[in-house]
Amino acid sequence: MKRVAWVRWVLVGYFLIGLLYAVYANNWGDGPYRSFAYHLGQGLVWPVMVLPGLGKFIGGLLIVAMVAFVMAS
């Protein structure tokens, strides 16, 4: 039971940080002319937006996974 509560707090914290990122980006970010829904979508993947190198790393992992999937089938 304690593990479930811990995971819940981590997820709530992640989504709260994403919501705060969306509010910040909507009001003071580089693209304030875009809708709040756009910034809310960015808020869901806020670590990639804050650390652009992480996005490139995740993209590389996805490419490797797709190539491995094609080669295995």
PDB file of N, CA and C in Angstrom:
ATOM      1  N   MET A   1       0.810  -1.197   0.000  1.00  0.00           N
ATOM      2  CA  MET A   1       0.000   0.000   0.000  1.00  0.00           C
ATOM      3  C   MET A   1       0.856   1.266   0.000  1.00  0.00           C
ATOM      4  N   LYS A   2       1.974   1.235   0.713  1.00  0.00           N
ATOM      5  CA  LYS A   2       2.805   2.427   0.770  1.00  0.00           C
ATOM      6  C   LYS A   2       3.397   2.753  -0.593  1.00  0.00           C
ATOM      7  N   ARG A   3       3.696   1.731  -1.373  1.00  0.00           N
ATOM      8  CA  ARG A   3       4.274   1.976  -2.685  1.00  0.00           C
ATOM      9  C   ARG A   3       3.272   2.669  -3.599  1.00  0.00           C
ATOM     10  N   VAL A   4       2.021   2.296  -3.530  1.00  0.00           N
ATOM     11  CA  VAL A   4       0.989   2.920  -4.350  1.00  0.00           C
ATOM     12  C   VAL A   4       0.855   4.391  -3.993  1.00  0.00           C
ATOM     13  N   ALA A   5       0.881   4.718  -2.718  1.00  0.00           N
ATOM     14  CA  ALA A   5       0.778   6.110  -2.293  1.00  0.00           C
ATOM     15  C   ALA A   5       1.981   6.910  -2.786  1.00  0.00           C
ATOM     16  N   TRP A   6       3.159   6.318  -2.757  1.00  0.00           N
ATOM     17  CA  TRP A   6       4.360   7.007  -3.214  1.00  0.00           C
ATOM     18  C   TRP A   6       4.283   7.290  -4.710  1.00  0.00           C
ATOM     19  N   VAL A   7       3.839   6.314  -5.484  1.00  0.00           N
ATOM     20  CA  VAL A   7       3.717   6.494  -6.935  1.00  0.00           C
ATOM     21  C   VAL A   7       2.679   7.561  -7.242  1.00  0.00           C
ATOM     22  N   ARG A   8       1.602   7.574  -6.484  1.00  0.00           N
ATOM     23  CA  ARG A   8       0.558   8.583  -6.696  1.00  0.00           C
ATOM     24  C   ARG A   8       1.109   9.984  -6.479  1.00  0.00           C
ATOM     25  N   TRP A   9       1.914  10.168  -5.428  1.00  0.00           N
ATOM     26  CA  TRP A   9       2.492  11.485  -5.165  1.00  0.00           C
ATOM     27  C   TRP A   9       3.460  11.904  -6.272  1.00  0.00           C
ATOM     28  N   VAL A  10       4.218  10.959  -6.780  1.00  0.00           N
ATOM     29  CA  VAL A  10       5.145  11.274  -7.872  1.00  0.00           C
ATOM     30  C   VAL A  10       4.370  11.701  -9.116  1.00  0.00           C
ATOM     31  N   LEU A  11       3.310  10.975  -9.450  1.00  0.00           N
ATOM     32  CA  LEU A  11       2.510  11.331 -10.625  1.00  0.00           C
ATOM     33  C   LEU A  11       1.807  12.671 -10.450  1.00  0.00           C
ATOM     34  N   VAL A  12       1.265  12.915  -9.284  1.00  0.00           N
ATOM     35  CA  VAL A  12       0.615  14.202  -9.026  1.00  0.00           C
ATOM     36  C   VAL A  12       1.635  15.330  -9.133  1.00  0.00           C
ATOM     37  N   GLY A  13       2.823  15.134  -8.576  1.00  0.00           N
ATOM     38  CA  GLY A  13       3.873  16.142  -8.683  1.00  0.00           C
ATOM     39  C   GLY A  13       4.287  16.396 -10.121  1.00  0.00           C
ATOM     40  N   TYR A  14       4.413  15.325 -10.904  1.00  0.00           N
ATOM     41  CA  TYR A  14       4.791  15.461 -12.311  1.00  0.00           C
ATOM     42  C   TYR A  14       3.760  16.298 -13.067  1.00  0.00           C
ATOM     43  N   PHE A  15       2.476  15.981 -12.867  1.00  0.00           N
ATOM     44  CA  PHE A  15       1.437  16.713 -13.580  1.00  0.00           C
ATOM     45  C   PHE A  15       1.280  18.142 -13.067  1.00  0.00           C
ATOM     46  N   LEU A  16       1.531  18.383 -11.791  1.00  0.00           N
ATOM     47  CA  LEU A  16       1.493  19.754 -11.287  1.00  0.00           C
ATOM     48  C   LEU A  16       2.628  20.589 -11.872  1.00  0.00           C
ATOM     49  N   ILE A  17       3.805  20.007 -11.978  1.00  0.00           N
ATOM     50  CA  ILE A  17       4.915  20.723 -12.615  1.00  0.00           C
ATOM     51  C   ILE A  17       4.579  20.996 -14.075  1.00  0.00           C
ATOM     52  N   GLY A  18       3.966  20.029 -14.748  1.00  0.00           N
ATOM     53  CA  GLY A  18       3.543  20.238 -16.132  1.00  0.00           C
ATOM     54  C   GLY A  18       2.520  21.344 -16.263  1.00  0.00           C
ATOM     55  N   LEU A  19       1.580  21.417 -15.331  1.00  0.00           N
ATOM     56  CA  LEU A  19       0.579  22.481 -15.356  1.00  0.00           C
ATOM     57  C   LEU A  19       1.222  23.836 -15.106  1.00  0.00           C
ATOM     58  N   LEU A  20       2.139  23.904 -14.153  1.00  0.00           N
ATOM     59  CA  LEU A  20       2.859  25.155 -13.907  1.00  0.00           C
ATOM     60  C   LEU A  20       3.683  25.564 -15.123  1.00  0.00           C
ATOM     61  N   TYR A  21       4.312  24.595 -15.780  1.00  0.00           N
ATOM     62  CA  TYR A  21       5.061  24.893 -16.999  1.00  0.00           C
ATOM     63  C   TYR A  21       4.136  25.448 -18.076  1.00  0.00           C
ATOM     64  N   ALA A  22       2.937  24.867 -18.212  1.00  0.00           N
ATOM     65  CA  ALA A  22       1.982  25.326 -19.223  1.00  0.00           C
ATOM     66  C   ALA A  22       1.541  26.755 -18.942  1.00  0.00           C
ATOM     67  N   VAL A  23       1.266  27.080 -17.694  1.00  0.00           N
ATOM     68  CA  VAL A  23       0.866  28.449 -17.338  1.00  0.00           C
ATOM     69  C   VAL A  23       2.011  29.416 -17.611  1.00  0.00           C
ATOM     70  N   TYR A  24       3.227  29.037 -17.227  1.00  0.00           N
ATOM     71  CA  TYR A  24       4.388  29.890 -17.478  1.00  0.00           C
ATOM     72  C   TYR A  24       4.600  30.104 -18.972  1.00  0.00           C
ATOM     73  N   ALA A  25       4.574  29.019 -19.748  1.00  0.00           N
ATOM     74  CA  ALA A  25       4.823  29.130 -21.186  1.00  0.00           C
ATOM     75  C   ALA A  25       3.720  29.918 -21.875  1.00  0.00           C
ATOM     76  N   ASN A  26       2.498  29.799 -21.400  1.00  0.00           N
ATOM     77  CA  ASN A  26       1.388  30.517 -22.017  1.00  0.00           C
ATOM     78  C   ASN A  26       1.495  32.021 -21.780  1.00  0.00           C
ATOM     79  N   ASN A  27       1.973  32.417 -20.619  1.00  0.00           N
ATOM     80  CA  ASN A  27       2.024  33.840 -20.289  1.00  0.00           C
ATOM     81  C   ASN A  27       3.360  34.495 -20.616  1.00  0.00           C
ATOM     82  N   TRP A  28       4.454  33.803 -20.370  1.00  0.00           N
ATOM     83  CA  TRP A  28       5.759  34.439 -20.505  1.00  0.00           C
ATOM     84  C   TRP A  28       6.734  33.676 -21.389  1.00  0.00           C
ATOM     85  N   GLY A  29       6.297  32.646 -22.070  1.00  0.00           N
ATOM     86  CA  GLY A  29       7.193  31.831 -22.885  1.00  0.00           C
ATOM     87  C   GLY A  29       7.466  32.441 -24.248  1.00  0.00           C
ATOM     88  N   ASP A  30       8.157  31.672 -25.096  1.00  0.00           N
ATOM     89  CA  ASP A  30       8.512  32.142 -26.431  1.00  0.00           C
ATOM     90  C   ASP A  30       7.315  32.241 -27.361  1.00  0.00           C
ATOM     91  N   GLY A  31       6.281  31.452 -27.131  1.00  0.00           N
ATOM     92  CA  GLY A  31       5.120  31.454 -28.023  1.00  0.00           C
ATOM     93  C   GLY A  31       3.831  31.805 -27.311  1.00  0.00           C
ATOM     94  N   PRO A  32       3.706  33.031 -26.753  1.00  0.00           N
ATOM     95  CA  PRO A  32       2.474  33.357 -26.032  1.00  0.00           C
ATOM     96  C   PRO A  32       1.257  33.490 -26.947  1.00  0.00           C
ATOM     97  N   TYR A  33       1.472  33.566 -28.258  1.00  0.00           N
ATOM     98  CA  TYR A  33       0.361  33.676 -29.204  1.00  0.00           C
ATOM     99  C   TYR A  33      -0.327  32.331 -29.429  1.00  0.00           C
ATOM    100  N   ARG A  34       0.294  31.242 -28.995  1.00  0.00           N
ATOM    101  CA  ARG A  34      -0.307  29.915 -29.154  1.00  0.00           C
ATOM    102  C   ARG A  34      -1.311  29.663 -28.038  1.00  0.00           C
ATOM    103  N   SER A  35      -2.205  28.722 -28.288  1.00  0.00           N
ATOM    104  CA  SER A  35      -3.280  28.467 -27.328  1.00  0.00           C
ATOM    105  C   SER A  35      -2.756  27.792 -26.061  1.00  0.00           C
ATOM    106  N   PHE A  36      -3.584  27.874 -25.023  1.00  0.00           N
ATOM    107  CA  PHE A  36      -3.216  27.216 -23.769  1.00  0.00           C
ATOM    108  C   PHE A  36      -3.180  25.705 -23.944  1.00  0.00           C
ATOM    109  N   ALA A  37      -4.030  25.177 -24.832  1.00  0.00           N
ATOM    110  CA  ALA A  37      -4.032  23.731 -25.077  1.00  0.00           C
ATOM    111  C   ALA A  37      -2.684  23.282 -25.645  1.00  0.00           C
ATOM    112  N   TYR A  38      -2.088  24.096 -26.507  1.00  0.00           N
ATOM    113  CA  TYR A  38      -0.766  23.780 -27.049  1.00  0.00           C
ATOM    114  C   TYR A  38       0.259  23.700 -25.917  1.00  0.00           C
ATOM    115  N   HIS A  39       0.236  24.690 -25.047  1.00  0.00           N
ATOM    116  CA  HIS A  39       1.188  24.708 -23.940  1.00  0.00           C
ATOM    117  C   HIS A  39       0.890  23.611 -22.922  1.00  0.00           C
ATOM    118  N   LEU A  40      -0.372  23.239 -22.781  1.00  0.00           N
ATOM    119  CA  LEU A  40      -0.709  22.137 -21.885  1.00  0.00           C
ATOM    120  C   LEU A  40      -0.156  20.823 -22.438  1.00  0.00           C
ATOM    121  N   GLY A  41      -0.188  20.660 -23.756  1.00  0.00           N
ATOM    122  CA  GLY A  41       0.423  19.486 -24.376  1.00  0.00           C
ATOM    123  C   GLY A  41       1.921  19.459 -24.160  1.00  0.00           C
ATOM    124  N   GLN A  42       2.549  20.629 -24.249  1.00  0.00           N
ATOM    125  CA  GLN A  42       3.977  20.694 -23.950  1.00  0.00           C
ATOM    126  C   GLN A  42       4.236  20.396 -22.480  1.00  0.00           C
ATOM    127  N   GLY A  43       3.308  20.788 -21.634  1.00  0.00           N
ATOM    128  CA  GLY A  43       3.462  20.542 -20.204  1.00  0.00           C
ATOM    129  C   GLY A  43       3.448  19.065 -19.856  1.00  0.00           C
ATOM    130  N   LEU A  44       2.794  18.248 -20.689  1.00  0.00           N
ATOM    131  CA  LEU A  44       2.783  16.809 -20.432  1.00  0.00           C
ATOM    132  C   LEU A  44       4.160  16.189 -20.623  1.00  0.00           C
ATOM    133  N   VAL A  45       4.955  16.787 -21.483  1.00  0.00           N
ATOM    134  CA  VAL A  45       6.316  16.291 -21.727  1.00  0.00           C
ATOM    135  C   VAL A  45       7.330  17.359 -21.311  1.00  0.00           C
ATOM    136  N   TRP A  46       7.091  17.996 -20.178  1.00  0.00           N
ATOM    137  CA  TRP A  46       7.912  19.121 -19.761  1.00  0.00           C
ATOM    138  C   TRP A  46       9.394  18.803 -19.604  1.00  0.00           C
ATOM    139  N   PRO A  47       9.816  17.592 -19.227  1.00  0.00           N
ATOM    140  CA  PRO A  47      11.266  17.375 -19.145  1.00  0.00           C
ATOM    141  C   PRO A  47      11.956  17.526 -20.501  1.00  0.00           C
ATOM    142  N   VAL A  48      11.260  17.142 -21.566  1.00  0.00           N
ATOM    143  CA  VAL A  48      11.836  17.266 -22.906  1.00  0.00           C
ATOM    144  C   VAL A  48      11.897  18.734 -23.316  1.00  0.00           C
ATOM    145  N   MET A  49      10.937  19.530 -22.879  1.00  0.00           N
ATOM    146  CA  MET A  49      10.933  20.947 -23.224  1.00  0.00           C
ATOM    147  C   MET A  49      12.002  21.704 -22.435  1.00  0.00           C
ATOM    148  N   VAL A  50      12.210  21.319 -21.204  1.00  0.00           N
ATOM    149  CA  VAL A  50      13.193  22.002 -20.361  1.00  0.00           C
ATOM    150  C   VAL A  50      14.616  21.576 -20.720  1.00  0.00           C
ATOM    151  N   LEU A  51      14.798  20.299 -21.043  1.00  0.00           N
ATOM    152  CA  LEU A  51      16.117  19.762 -21.397  1.00  0.00           C
ATOM    153  C   LEU A  51      16.073  19.241 -22.833  1.00  0.00           C
ATOM    154  N   PRO A  52      16.392  20.081 -23.832  1.00  0.00           N
ATOM    155  CA  PRO A  52      16.274  19.648 -25.231  1.00  0.00           C
ATOM    156  C   PRO A  52      17.132  18.434 -25.571  1.00  0.00           C
ATOM    157  N   GLY A  53      18.247  18.259 -24.928  1.00  0.00           N
ATOM    158  CA  GLY A  53      19.091  17.093 -25.182  1.00  0.00           C
ATOM    159  C   GLY A  53      18.390  15.794 -24.830  1.00  0.00           C
ATOM    160  N   LEU A  54      17.522  15.836 -23.843  1.00  0.00           N
ATOM    161  CA  LEU A  54      16.759  14.652 -23.456  1.00  0.00           C
ATOM    162  C   LEU A  54      15.813  14.237 -24.578  1.00  0.00           C
ATOM    163  N   GLY A  55      15.244  15.211 -25.271  1.00  0.00           N
ATOM    164  CA  GLY A  55      14.364  14.906 -26.400  1.00  0.00           C
ATOM    165  C   GLY A  55      15.109  14.211 -27.529  1.00  0.00           C
ATOM    166  N   LYS A  56      16.324  14.654 -27.805  1.00  0.00           N
ATOM    167  CA  LYS A  56      17.126  14.006 -28.845  1.00  0.00           C
ATOM    168  C   LYS A  56      17.491  12.578 -28.438  1.00  0.00           C
ATOM    169  N   PHE A  57      17.784  12.384 -27.165  1.00  0.00           N
ATOM    170  CA  PHE A  57      18.108  11.046 -26.665  1.00  0.00           C
ATOM    171  C   PHE A  57      16.902  10.119 -26.786  1.00  0.00           C
ATOM    172  N   ILE A  58      15.728  10.596 -26.398  1.00  0.00           N
ATOM    173  CA  ILE A  58      14.514   9.782 -26.498  1.00  0.00           C
ATOM    174  C   ILE A  58      14.199   9.484 -27.958  1.00  0.00           C
ATOM    175  N   GLY A  59      14.385  10.476 -28.834  1.00  0.00           N
ATOM    176  CA  GLY A  59      14.177  10.240 -30.264  1.00  0.00           C
ATOM    177  C   GLY A  59      15.115   9.181 -30.805  1.00  0.00           C
ATOM    178  N   GLY A  60      16.374   9.206 -30.380  1.00  0.00           N
ATOM    179  CA  GLY A  60      17.326   8.183 -30.800  1.00  0.00           C
ATOM    180  C   GLY A  60      16.934   6.798 -30.321  1.00  0.00           C
ATOM    181  N   LEU A  61      16.455   6.710 -29.082  1.00  0.00           N
ATOM    182  CA  LEU A  61      15.987   5.418 -28.567  1.00  0.00           C
ATOM    183  C   LEU A  61      14.795   4.900 -29.364  1.00  0.00           C
ATOM    184  N   LEU A  62      13.886   5.790 -29.744  1.00  0.00           N
ATOM    185  CA  LEU A  62      12.728   5.371 -30.539  1.00  0.00           C
ATOM    186  C   LEU A  62      13.147   4.862 -31.913  1.00  0.00           C
ATOM    187  N   ILE A  63      14.119   5.520 -32.533  1.00  0.00           N
ATOM    188  CA  ILE A  63      14.602   5.065 -33.841  1.00  0.00           C
ATOM    189  C   ILE A  63      15.244   3.687 -33.717  1.00  0.00           C
ATOM    190  N   VAL A  64      16.071   3.496 -32.700  1.00  0.00           N
ATOM    191  CA  VAL A  64      16.702   2.193 -32.491  1.00  0.00           C
ATOM    192  C   VAL A  64      15.644   1.123 -32.236  1.00  0.00           C
ATOM    193  N   ALA A  65      14.617   1.446 -31.453  1.00  0.00           N
ATOM    194  CA  ALA A  65      13.554   0.481 -31.166  1.00  0.00           C
ATOM    195  C   ALA A  65      12.782   0.120 -32.432  1.00  0.00           C
ATOM    196  N   MET A  66      12.510   1.102 -33.290  1.00  0.00           N
ATOM    197  CA  MET A  66      11.782   0.817 -34.533  1.00  0.00           C
ATOM    198  C   MET A  66      12.617  -0.036 -35.479  1.00  0.00           C
ATOM    199  N   VAL A  67      13.902   0.265 -35.595  1.00  0.00           N
ATOM    200  CA  VAL A  67      14.775  -0.537 -36.454  1.00  0.00           C
ATOM    201  C   VAL A  67      14.864  -1.962 -35.916  1.00  0.00           C
ATOM    202  N   ALA A  68      14.982  -2.113 -34.611  1.00  0.00           N
ATOM    203  CA  ALA A  68      15.039  -3.453 -34.019  1.00  0.00           C
ATOM    204  C   ALA A  68      13.737  -4.207 -34.259  1.00  0.00           C
ATOM    205  N   PHE A  69      12.612  -3.515 -34.186  1.00  0.00           N
ATOM    206  CA  PHE A  69      11.314  -4.148 -34.434  1.00  0.00           C
ATOM    207  C   PHE A  69      11.197  -4.609 -35.877  1.00  0.00           C
ATOM    208  N   VAL A  70      11.637  -3.770 -36.821  1.00  0.00           N
ATOM    209  CA  VAL A  70      11.574  -4.138 -38.238  1.00  0.00           C
ATOM    210  C   VAL A  70      12.519  -5.299 -38.528  1.00  0.00           C
ATOM    211  N   MET A  71      13.710  -5.269 -37.954  1.00  0.00           N
ATOM    212  CA  MET A  71      14.667  -6.346 -38.191  1.00  0.00           C
ATOM    213  C   MET A  71      14.195  -7.669 -37.573  1.00  0.00           C
ATOM    214  N   ALA A  72      13.456  -7.605 -36.469  1.00  0.00           N
ATOM    215  CA  ALA A  72      12.993  -8.820 -35.802  1.00  0.00           C
ATOM    216  C   ALA A  72      11.788  -9.446 -36.499  1.00  0.00           C
ATOM    217  N   SER A  73      11.043  -8.653 -37.261  1.00  0.00           N
ATOM    218  CA  SER A  73       9.841  -9.218 -37.894  1.00  0.00           C
ATOM    219  C   SER A  73      10.102  -9.762 -39.274  1.00  0.00           C
TER     220      SER A  73
END
